[in-house]
Amino acid sequence: MAALTGKTVLVTGASSGIGRASAVELARRGANLVLGARRAELLEEVAAECRALGVSCIPFVADVTNREDCAKLVAAAPRIDILVNNAGFADYSVIEEMSIETFDRTVEHYLRTPFVLTKAAVPHMRKNGAGWIVNIGSVTGVAPVRPYRDYNKTAGDVVYASMKAALHRFTQGIAAELVDANIAVNCVGPSTAIRTPGAAQLIPDTFPTEPVEYLAETVLSMCHLPAAERTGLVAFSLHYPWSQQLPVHSLDGSSVLPPLEPPATSNPNIRPAGV
């Protein structure tokens, strides 16, 4: 991952969960960071953790659903080589009970915000002659298994899942538009689920989950190859490392975690090497 040394990465939703893990792993590989999130105290903690690894880090308090905040966040970056669109929220409800406000907020987080930030970051990447965009997708964006599982009948994830499916397709379409500019656009989602602070209350106790390190490592794998070699990929965090024999490091960098095979309960519609 020497190719990441000296690159500047903008990560949204960086104060906890997937964003924090990705930021720390990027810092460990020598990338400088601009971190966006709403929670100032947690954001400062992550920034300090990254700086302790010897890289520069700019924490910027921002609500990415606010266009002015998005513009200020991008302006805070001295340059942008890599954009990780991670920020989001999940508010599940079956369709009959979902408010239009929840619907609009979900669409805003998972489609409009990645669009706004991608649009703002691409001119920086064109100027640099290369770039990498990684969108954080979701296994819920893959068609549910038939016959339908009890989870799909009651979870209330339909709108969230629909926006993640749209984000997958957005990724693949933007990849085609930007490949000739040597800007790679890929998407990474959990193969099962990750108990992040924002999602834990939505995940049943019996639902299979996975350590965040496998997703963070998969994100890193999308951040260094030229677009001609890897772009337009929607990959999943247990399937991809397993199929590619990708080493997965602990967040403190002290060890390599054991290969973790996707569980038999994972969605059979996932392709191991991504789509």
C-alpha atoms as a PDB file:
ATOM      1  CA  MET A   1       0.000   0.000   0.000  1.00  0.00           C
ATOM      2  CA  ALA A   2       2.967   2.342  -0.533  1.00  0.00           C
ATOM      3  CA  ALA A   3       0.848   3.964  -3.241  1.00  0.00           C
ATOM      4  CA  LEU A   4      -1.265   5.566  -0.501  1.00  0.00           C
ATOM      5  CA  THR A   5       1.664   7.392   1.107  1.00  0.00           C
ATOM      6  CA  GLY A   6       1.211  11.137   0.737  1.00  0.00           C
ATOM      7  CA  LYS A   7      -2.245  10.890  -0.817  1.00  0.00           C
ATOM      8  CA  THR A   8      -4.974  13.074   0.685  1.00  0.00           C
ATOM      9  CA  VAL A   9      -8.243  11.349   1.516  1.00  0.00           C
ATOM     10  CA  LEU A  10     -11.576  12.969   2.356  1.00  0.00           C
ATOM     11  CA  VAL A  11     -13.698  10.657   4.537  1.00  0.00           C
ATOM     12  CA  THR A  12     -17.254  11.524   5.552  1.00  0.00           C
ATOM     13  CA  GLY A  13     -18.963  10.123   8.612  1.00  0.00           C
ATOM     14  CA  ALA A  14     -15.493   9.688  10.089  1.00  0.00           C
ATOM     15  CA  SER A  15     -16.260  10.042  13.788  1.00  0.00           C
ATOM     16  CA  SER A  16     -17.178   6.396  14.407  1.00  0.00           C
ATOM     17  CA  GLY A  17     -17.885   2.993  12.910  1.00  0.00           C
ATOM     18  CA  ILE A  18     -16.924   2.339   9.309  1.00  0.00           C
ATOM     19  CA  GLY A  19     -15.681   5.901   8.722  1.00  0.00           C
ATOM     20  CA  ARG A  20     -13.374   5.829  11.730  1.00  0.00           C
ATOM     21  CA  ALA A  21     -11.998   2.385  10.869  1.00  0.00           C
ATOM     22  CA  SER A  22     -11.343   3.398   7.259  1.00  0.00           C
ATOM     23  CA  ALA A  23      -9.663   6.632   8.331  1.00  0.00           C
ATOM     24  CA  VAL A  24      -7.338   4.875  10.782  1.00  0.00           C
ATOM     25  CA  GLU A  25      -6.364   2.219   8.235  1.00  0.00           C
ATOM     26  CA  LEU A  26      -5.704   4.872   5.575  1.00  0.00           C
ATOM     27  CA  ALA A  27      -3.556   6.812   8.040  1.00  0.00           C
ATOM     28  CA  ARG A  28      -1.654   3.665   8.940  1.00  0.00           C
ATOM     29  CA  ARG A  29      -0.761   3.301   5.253  1.00  0.00           C
ATOM     30  CA  GLY A  30       0.549   6.874   5.068  1.00  0.00           C
ATOM     31  CA  ALA A  31      -2.416   8.817   3.709  1.00  0.00           C
ATOM     32  CA  ASN A  32      -3.160  12.340   4.893  1.00  0.00           C
ATOM     33  CA  LEU A  33      -6.765  12.929   5.879  1.00  0.00           C
ATOM     34  CA  VAL A  34      -9.605  15.400   5.869  1.00  0.00           C
ATOM     35  CA  LEU A  35     -12.328  14.041   8.129  1.00  0.00           C
ATOM     36  CA  GLY A  36     -15.931  15.201   8.070  1.00  0.00           C
ATOM     37  CA  ALA A  37     -18.587  14.426  10.687  1.00  0.00           C
ATOM     38  CA  ARG A  38     -21.154  16.165  12.879  1.00  0.00           C
ATOM     39  CA  ARG A  39     -19.835  15.129  16.311  1.00  0.00           C
ATOM     40  CA  ALA A  40     -16.905  17.407  17.087  1.00  0.00           C
ATOM     41  CA  GLU A  41     -15.573  15.616  20.177  1.00  0.00           C
ATOM     42  CA  LEU A  42     -15.498  12.187  18.540  1.00  0.00           C
ATOM     43  CA  LEU A  43     -14.062  13.674  15.358  1.00  0.00           C
ATOM     44  CA  GLU A  44     -11.170  15.215  17.313  1.00  0.00           C
ATOM     45  CA  GLU A  45     -10.467  11.827  18.908  1.00  0.00           C
ATOM     46  CA  VAL A  46     -10.209  10.139  15.510  1.00  0.00           C
ATOM     47  CA  ALA A  47      -8.033  12.979  14.173  1.00  0.00           C
ATOM     48  CA  ALA A  48      -5.649  12.594  17.121  1.00  0.00           C
ATOM     49  CA  GLU A  49      -5.485   8.846  16.537  1.00  0.00           C
ATOM     50  CA  CYS A  50      -4.595   9.429  12.883  1.00  0.00           C
ATOM     51  CA  ARG A  51      -1.991  12.108  13.650  1.00  0.00           C
ATOM     52  CA  ALA A  52      -0.322   9.724  16.088  1.00  0.00           C
ATOM     53  CA  LEU A  53       0.386   7.539  13.058  1.00  0.00           C
ATOM     54  CA  GLY A  54       2.500  10.301  11.530  1.00  0.00           C
ATOM     55  CA  VAL A  55       0.144  11.823   8.980  1.00  0.00           C
ATOM     56  CA  SER A  56      -1.599  15.177   8.747  1.00  0.00           C
ATOM     57  CA  CYS A  57      -5.285  15.258   9.565  1.00  0.00           C
ATOM     58  CA  ILE A  58      -7.858  18.029   9.280  1.00  0.00           C
ATOM     59  CA  PRO A  59     -11.085  17.416  11.239  1.00  0.00           C
ATOM     60  CA  PHE A  60     -14.009  19.439   9.926  1.00  0.00           C
ATOM     61  CA  VAL A  61     -17.403  19.522  11.598  1.00  0.00           C
ATOM     62  CA  ALA A  62     -19.979  19.271   8.842  1.00  0.00           C
ATOM     63  CA  ASP A  63     -23.469  18.025   8.132  1.00  0.00           C
ATOM     64  CA  VAL A  64     -23.133  16.534   4.657  1.00  0.00           C
ATOM     65  CA  THR A  65     -26.847  16.932   3.975  1.00  0.00           C
ATOM     66  CA  ASN A  66     -26.178  20.694   3.973  1.00  0.00           C
ATOM     67  CA  ARG A  67     -24.807  21.856   0.614  1.00  0.00           C
ATOM     68  CA  GLU A  68     -22.890  24.744   2.162  1.00  0.00           C
ATOM     69  CA  ASP A  69     -21.225  22.372   4.619  1.00  0.00           C
ATOM     70  CA  CYS A  70     -20.277  20.064   1.739  1.00  0.00           C
ATOM     71  CA  ALA A  71     -18.678  22.955  -0.131  1.00  0.00           C
ATOM     72  CA  LYS A  72     -16.766  24.060   2.980  1.00  0.00           C
ATOM     73  CA  LEU A  73     -15.628  20.494   3.669  1.00  0.00           C
ATOM     74  CA  VAL A  74     -14.202  20.143   0.161  1.00  0.00           C
ATOM     75  CA  ALA A  75     -12.619  23.601   0.407  1.00  0.00           C
ATOM     76  CA  ALA A  76     -10.911  22.575   3.662  1.00  0.00           C
ATOM     77  CA  ALA A  77      -8.906  19.933   1.787  1.00  0.00           C
ATOM     78  CA  PRO A  78      -5.527  21.067   0.436  1.00  0.00           C
ATOM     79  CA  ARG A  79      -6.086  18.513  -2.341  1.00  0.00           C
ATOM     80  CA  ILE A  80      -8.297  15.472  -2.858  1.00  0.00           C
ATOM     81  CA  ASP A  81      -6.878  12.254  -4.220  1.00  0.00           C
ATOM     82  CA  ILE A  82      -9.429   9.910  -2.668  1.00  0.00           C
ATOM     83  CA  LEU A  83     -13.041  10.427  -1.557  1.00  0.00           C
ATOM     84  CA  VAL A  84     -14.774   7.945   0.755  1.00  0.00           C
ATOM     85  CA  ASN A  85     -18.535   8.585   0.780  1.00  0.00           C
ATOM     86  CA  ASN A  86     -19.458   6.922   4.055  1.00  0.00           C
ATOM     87  CA  ALA A  87     -21.736   9.291   5.987  1.00  0.00           C
ATOM     88  CA  GLY A  88     -25.299   8.168   6.461  1.00  0.00           C
ATOM     89  CA  PHE A  89     -28.041   7.144   8.819  1.00  0.00           C
ATOM     90  CA  ALA A  90     -30.548   4.339   8.967  1.00  0.00           C
ATOM     91  CA  ASP A  91     -34.122   4.798  10.112  1.00  0.00           C
ATOM     92  CA  TYR A  92     -36.049   1.652   9.280  1.00  0.00           C
ATOM     93  CA  SER A  93     -39.804   1.493   8.941  1.00  0.00           C
ATOM     94  CA  VAL A  94     -42.213  -0.594   6.931  1.00  0.00           C
ATOM     95  CA  ILE A  95     -43.634   1.412   4.037  1.00  0.00           C
ATOM     96  CA  GLU A  96     -47.109   1.786   5.487  1.00  0.00           C
ATOM     97  CA  GLU A  97     -45.703   3.479   8.587  1.00  0.00           C
ATOM     98  CA  MET A  98     -42.783   5.476   7.146  1.00  0.00           C
ATOM     99  CA  SER A  99     -43.046   9.254   7.174  1.00  0.00           C
ATOM    100  CA  ILE A 100     -42.255  11.245   4.045  1.00  0.00           C
ATOM    101  CA  GLU A 101     -39.598  13.067   6.109  1.00  0.00           C
ATOM    102  CA  THR A 102     -37.760   9.788   6.766  1.00  0.00           C
ATOM    103  CA  PHE A 103     -38.052   8.855   3.108  1.00  0.00           C
ATOM    104  CA  ASP A 104     -36.638  12.206   1.974  1.00  0.00           C
ATOM    105  CA  ARG A 105     -33.806  12.080   4.509  1.00  0.00           C
ATOM    106  CA  THR A 106     -32.785   8.588   3.395  1.00  0.00           C
ATOM    107  CA  VAL A 107     -32.722   9.603  -0.265  1.00  0.00           C
ATOM    108  CA  GLU A 108     -30.704  12.681   0.650  1.00  0.00           C
ATOM    109  CA  HIS A 109     -28.058  10.782   2.618  1.00  0.00           C
ATOM    110  CA  TYR A 110     -27.469   7.928   0.204  1.00  0.00           C
ATOM    111  CA  LEU A 111     -27.953   9.441  -3.234  1.00  0.00           C
ATOM    112  CA  ARG A 112     -27.905  13.234  -3.218  1.00  0.00           C
ATOM    113  CA  THR A 113     -24.979  13.651  -0.811  1.00  0.00           C
ATOM    114  CA  PRO A 114     -22.652  11.238  -2.699  1.00  0.00           C
ATOM    115  CA  PHE A 115     -23.653  13.064  -5.886  1.00  0.00           C
ATOM    116  CA  VAL A 116     -22.864  16.496  -4.392  1.00  0.00           C
ATOM    117  CA  LEU A 117     -19.497  15.418  -2.961  1.00  0.00           C
ATOM    118  CA  THR A 118     -18.485  13.460  -6.061  1.00  0.00           C
ATOM    119  CA  LYS A 119     -19.323  16.432  -8.280  1.00  0.00           C
ATOM    120  CA  ALA A 120     -17.220  18.687  -6.045  1.00  0.00           C
ATOM    121  CA  ALA A 121     -14.251  16.315  -5.776  1.00  0.00           C
ATOM    122  CA  VAL A 122     -13.887  15.288  -9.435  1.00  0.00           C
ATOM    123  CA  PRO A 123     -12.310  18.593 -10.618  1.00  0.00           C
ATOM    124  CA  HIS A 124      -9.581  18.138  -7.971  1.00  0.00           C
ATOM    125  CA  MET A 125      -8.909  14.608  -9.196  1.00  0.00           C
ATOM    126  CA  ARG A 126      -8.832  15.680 -12.845  1.00  0.00           C
ATOM    127  CA  LYS A 127      -6.250  18.320 -11.897  1.00  0.00           C
ATOM    128  CA  ASN A 128      -4.179  15.637 -10.156  1.00  0.00           C
ATOM    129  CA  GLY A 129      -4.379  13.313 -13.158  1.00  0.00           C
ATOM    130  CA  ALA A 130      -5.911  10.492 -11.105  1.00  0.00           C
ATOM    131  CA  GLY A 131      -8.405   9.832  -8.345  1.00  0.00           C
ATOM    132  CA  TRP A 132     -10.338   7.228  -6.411  1.00  0.00           C
ATOM    133  CA  ILE A 133     -13.904   7.399  -5.140  1.00  0.00           C
ATOM    134  CA  VAL A 134     -15.216   4.738  -2.762  1.00  0.00           C
ATOM    135  CA  ASN A 135     -18.897   4.641  -1.891  1.00  0.00           C
ATOM    136  CA  ILE A 136     -20.055   2.621   1.097  1.00  0.00           C
ATOM    137  CA  GLY A 137     -22.850   0.339  -0.049  1.00  0.00           C
ATOM    138  CA  SER A 138     -24.817  -2.368   1.704  1.00  0.00           C
ATOM    139  CA  VAL A 139     -25.747  -6.000   1.381  1.00  0.00           C
ATOM    140  CA  THR A 140     -29.344  -4.807   1.678  1.00  0.00           C
ATOM    141  CA  GLY A 141     -28.942  -3.315  -1.799  1.00  0.00           C
ATOM    142  CA  VAL A 142     -28.705  -6.841  -3.216  1.00  0.00           C
ATOM    143  CA  ALA A 143     -31.995  -8.527  -4.124  1.00  0.00           C
ATOM    144  CA  PRO A 144     -33.396 -10.445  -1.119  1.00  0.00           C
ATOM    145  CA  VAL A 145     -33.307 -14.220  -1.058  1.00  0.00           C
ATOM    146  CA  ARG A 146     -36.403 -16.133  -2.173  1.00  0.00           C
ATOM    147  CA  PRO A 147     -38.425 -17.493  -0.511  1.00  0.00           C
ATOM    148  CA  TYR A 148     -38.321 -14.321   1.528  1.00  0.00           C
ATOM    149  CA  ARG A 149     -36.739 -14.529   4.960  1.00  0.00           C
ATOM    150  CA  ASP A 150     -38.597 -13.325   8.026  1.00  0.00           C
ATOM    151  CA  TYR A 151     -36.120 -10.445   8.309  1.00  0.00           C
ATOM    152  CA  ASN A 152     -37.112  -9.080   4.884  1.00  0.00           C
ATOM    153  CA  LYS A 153     -40.781  -9.282   5.789  1.00  0.00           C
ATOM    154  CA  THR A 154     -40.487  -7.181   8.936  1.00  0.00           C
ATOM    155  CA  ALA A 155     -37.209  -5.219   9.071  1.00  0.00           C
ATOM    156  CA  GLY A 156     -38.474  -2.070   7.354  1.00  0.00           C
ATOM    157  CA  ASP A 157     -35.262  -1.589   5.360  1.00  0.00           C
ATOM    158  CA  VAL A 158     -36.894  -1.225   1.939  1.00  0.00           C
ATOM    159  CA  VAL A 159     -36.203   2.485   1.363  1.00  0.00           C
ATOM    160  CA  TYR A 160     -32.708   2.283   2.863  1.00  0.00           C
ATOM    161  CA  ALA A 161     -31.969  -0.791   0.734  1.00  0.00           C
ATOM    162  CA  SER A 162     -33.381   0.869  -2.378  1.00  0.00           C
ATOM    163  CA  MET A 163     -31.061   3.837  -1.922  1.00  0.00           C
ATOM    164  CA  LYS A 164     -28.082   1.540  -1.409  1.00  0.00           C
ATOM    165  CA  ALA A 165     -29.012  -0.308  -4.615  1.00  0.00           C
ATOM    166  CA  ALA A 166     -29.176   3.077  -6.343  1.00  0.00           C
ATOM    167  CA  LEU A 167     -25.751   3.925  -4.911  1.00  0.00           C
ATOM    168  CA  HIS A 168     -24.361   0.686  -6.360  1.00  0.00           C
ATOM    169  CA  ARG A 169     -25.683   1.638  -9.805  1.00  0.00           C
ATOM    170  CA  PHE A 170     -24.523   5.247  -9.361  1.00  0.00           C
ATOM    171  CA  THR A 171     -21.042   3.888  -8.687  1.00  0.00           C
ATOM    172  CA  GLN A 172     -21.008   1.790 -11.840  1.00  0.00           C
ATOM    173  CA  GLY A 173     -22.338   4.610 -14.018  1.00  0.00           C
ATOM    174  CA  ILE A 174     -19.938   7.262 -12.724  1.00  0.00           C
ATOM    175  CA  ALA A 175     -17.086   4.771 -13.183  1.00  0.00           C
ATOM    176  CA  ALA A 176     -17.867   4.657 -16.896  1.00  0.00           C
ATOM    177  CA  GLU A 177     -17.996   8.454 -17.133  1.00  0.00           C
ATOM    178  CA  LEU A 178     -14.657   8.943 -15.374  1.00  0.00           C
ATOM    179  CA  VAL A 179     -12.505   5.994 -16.487  1.00  0.00           C
ATOM    180  CA  ASP A 180     -10.835   7.999 -19.265  1.00  0.00           C
ATOM    181  CA  ALA A 181      -9.831  10.610 -16.675  1.00  0.00           C
ATOM    182  CA  ASN A 182      -8.091   7.853 -14.649  1.00  0.00           C
ATOM    183  CA  ILE A 183     -10.580   8.291 -11.805  1.00  0.00           C
ATOM    184  CA  ALA A 184     -11.667   4.972 -10.304  1.00  0.00           C
ATOM    185  CA  VAL A 185     -15.096   4.690  -8.701  1.00  0.00           C
ATOM    186  CA  ASN A 186     -15.913   1.614  -6.618  1.00  0.00           C
ATOM    187  CA  CYS A 187     -18.366   0.583  -3.921  1.00  0.00           C
ATOM    188  CA  VAL A 188     -17.821  -1.533  -0.810  1.00  0.00           C
ATOM    189  CA  GLY A 189     -20.486  -2.905   1.504  1.00  0.00           C
ATOM    190  CA  PRO A 190     -20.645  -5.335   4.403  1.00  0.00           C
ATOM    191  CA  SER A 191     -21.257  -8.956   3.446  1.00  0.00           C
ATOM    192  CA  THR A 192     -23.515  -9.398   6.470  1.00  0.00           C
ATOM    193  CA  ALA A 193     -23.812  -6.484   8.906  1.00  0.00           C
ATOM    194  CA  ILE A 194     -21.492  -4.462  11.137  1.00  0.00           C
ATOM    195  CA  ARG A 195     -22.569  -3.380  14.607  1.00  0.00           C
ATOM    196  CA  THR A 196     -21.601   0.256  14.268  1.00  0.00           C
ATOM    197  CA  PRO A 197     -22.958   2.722  16.878  1.00  0.00           C
ATOM    198  CA  GLY A 198     -25.533   3.969  14.382  1.00  0.00           C
ATOM    199  CA  ALA A 199     -26.748   0.570  13.228  1.00  0.00           C
ATOM    200  CA  ALA A 200     -26.556  -1.633  16.304  1.00  0.00           C
ATOM    201  CA  GLN A 201     -30.149  -1.004  17.397  1.00  0.00           C
ATOM    202  CA  LEU A 202     -31.421  -2.105  13.964  1.00  0.00           C
ATOM    203  CA  ILE A 203     -29.603  -5.456  13.915  1.00  0.00           C
ATOM    204  CA  PRO A 204     -31.319  -8.397  15.611  1.00  0.00           C
ATOM    205  CA  ASP A 205     -29.180 -10.220  18.179  1.00  0.00           C
ATOM    206  CA  THR A 206     -29.310 -13.390  16.092  1.00  0.00           C
ATOM    207  CA  PHE A 207     -28.297 -11.695  12.817  1.00  0.00           C
ATOM    208  CA  PRO A 208     -24.761 -12.620  11.630  1.00  0.00           C
ATOM    209  CA  THR A 209     -22.316  -9.729  11.885  1.00  0.00           C
ATOM    210  CA  GLU A 210     -18.659  -9.161  11.062  1.00  0.00           C
ATOM    211  CA  PRO A 211     -15.668  -7.168  12.357  1.00  0.00           C
ATOM    212  CA  VAL A 212     -15.264  -3.735  10.774  1.00  0.00           C
ATOM    213  CA  GLU A 213     -11.618  -4.437   9.850  1.00  0.00           C
ATOM    214  CA  TYR A 214     -12.613  -6.569   6.852  1.00  0.00           C
ATOM    215  CA  LEU A 215     -14.610  -3.740   5.340  1.00  0.00           C
ATOM    216  CA  ALA A 216     -11.873  -1.175   6.048  1.00  0.00           C
ATOM    217  CA  GLU A 217      -9.310  -3.381   4.310  1.00  0.00           C
ATOM    218  CA  THR A 218     -11.612  -3.811   1.320  1.00  0.00           C
ATOM    219  CA  VAL A 219     -12.008  -0.026   1.121  1.00  0.00           C
ATOM    220  CA  LEU A 220      -8.220   0.346   1.023  1.00  0.00           C
ATOM    221  CA  SER A 221      -7.976  -2.155  -1.816  1.00  0.00           C
ATOM    222  CA  MET A 222     -10.104   0.187  -3.949  1.00  0.00           C
ATOM    223  CA  CYS A 223      -7.824   3.206  -3.397  1.00  0.00           C
ATOM    224  CA  HIS A 224      -4.628   2.593  -5.324  1.00  0.00           C
ATOM    225  CA  LEU A 225      -4.928   0.849  -8.708  1.00  0.00           C
ATOM    226  CA  PRO A 226      -5.401   2.899 -11.906  1.00  0.00           C
ATOM    227  CA  ALA A 227      -8.995   3.158 -13.081  1.00  0.00           C
ATOM    228  CA  ALA A 228      -8.221   1.027 -16.126  1.00  0.00           C
ATOM    229  CA  GLU A 229      -7.406  -1.862 -13.774  1.00  0.00           C
ATOM    230  CA  ARG A 230     -10.137  -1.556 -11.142  1.00  0.00           C
ATOM    231  CA  THR A 231     -13.247   0.573 -11.439  1.00  0.00           C
ATOM    232  CA  GLY A 232     -17.009   0.113 -11.412  1.00  0.00           C
ATOM    233  CA  LEU A 233     -16.755  -2.674  -8.848  1.00  0.00           C
ATOM    234  CA  VAL A 234     -19.365  -3.359  -6.158  1.00  0.00           C
ATOM    235  CA  ALA A 235     -17.571  -5.584  -3.655  1.00  0.00           C
ATOM    236  CA  PHE A 236     -18.453  -7.006  -0.253  1.00  0.00           C
ATOM    237  CA  SER A 237     -16.250  -7.090   2.790  1.00  0.00           C
ATOM    238  CA  LEU A 238     -16.033 -10.798   3.557  1.00  0.00           C
ATOM    239  CA  HIS A 239     -16.481 -12.101   0.030  1.00  0.00           C
ATOM    240  CA  TYR A 240     -13.830  -9.904  -1.593  1.00  0.00           C
ATOM    241  CA  PRO A 241     -10.905 -10.495   0.813  1.00  0.00           C
ATOM    242  CA  TRP A 242     -11.704 -14.220   0.881  1.00  0.00           C
ATOM    243  CA  SER A 243     -11.852 -14.565  -2.912  1.00  0.00           C
ATOM    244  CA  GLN A 244      -8.782 -12.370  -3.497  1.00  0.00           C
ATOM    245  CA  GLN A 245      -6.762 -13.773  -0.554  1.00  0.00           C
ATOM    246  CA  LEU A 246      -6.418 -10.227   0.748  1.00  0.00           C
ATOM    247  CA  PRO A 247      -4.624  -9.890   4.119  1.00  0.00           C
ATOM    248  CA  VAL A 248      -6.748  -8.067   6.690  1.00  0.00           C
ATOM    249  CA  HIS A 249      -4.971  -6.093   9.395  1.00  0.00           C
ATOM    250  CA  SER A 250      -6.174  -5.248  12.876  1.00  0.00           C
ATOM    251  CA  LEU A 251      -6.947  -1.565  13.442  1.00  0.00           C
ATOM    252  CA  ASP A 252      -3.939  -1.174  15.725  1.00  0.00           C
ATOM    253  CA  GLY A 253      -1.701  -2.636  13.029  1.00  0.00           C
ATOM    254  CA  SER A 254      -0.287  -5.269  15.360  1.00  0.00           C
ATOM    255  CA  SER A 255      -1.547  -8.378  13.583  1.00  0.00           C
ATOM    256  CA  VAL A 256      -3.084  -9.912  10.482  1.00  0.00           C
ATOM    257  CA  LEU A 257      -6.545 -11.268  11.173  1.00  0.00           C
ATOM    258  CA  PRO A 258      -7.449 -14.814  10.096  1.00  0.00           C
ATOM    259  CA  PRO A 259      -9.149 -15.302   6.718  1.00  0.00           C
ATOM    260  CA  LEU A 260     -12.870 -15.127   7.340  1.00  0.00           C
ATOM    261  CA  GLU A 261     -15.070 -17.102   4.979  1.00  0.00           C
ATOM    262  CA  PRO A 262     -18.483 -15.579   4.219  1.00  0.00           C
ATOM    263  CA  PRO A 263     -21.085 -17.413   6.295  1.00  0.00           C
ATOM    264  CA  ALA A 264     -23.499 -19.855   4.707  1.00  0.00           C
ATOM    265  CA  THR A 265     -26.312 -17.499   5.699  1.00  0.00           C
ATOM    266  CA  SER A 266     -24.984 -14.644   3.547  1.00  0.00           C
ATOM    267  CA  ASN A 267     -26.983 -13.564   0.513  1.00  0.00           C
ATOM    268  CA  PRO A 268     -26.302 -16.083  -2.307  1.00  0.00           C
ATOM    269  CA  ASN A 269     -26.771 -13.309  -4.879  1.00  0.00           C
ATOM    270  CA  ILE A 270     -23.397 -11.805  -3.889  1.00  0.00           C
ATOM    271  CA  ARG A 271     -20.577 -12.609  -6.281  1.00  0.00           C
ATOM    272  CA  PRO A 272     -17.315 -13.287  -4.431  1.00  0.00           C
ATOM    273  CA  ALA A 273     -15.116 -10.999  -6.534  1.00  0.00           C
ATOM    274  CA  GLY A 274     -17.740  -8.254  -6.829  1.00  0.00           C
ATOM    275  CA  VAL A 275     -19.868  -7.115  -9.745  1.00  0.00           C
END
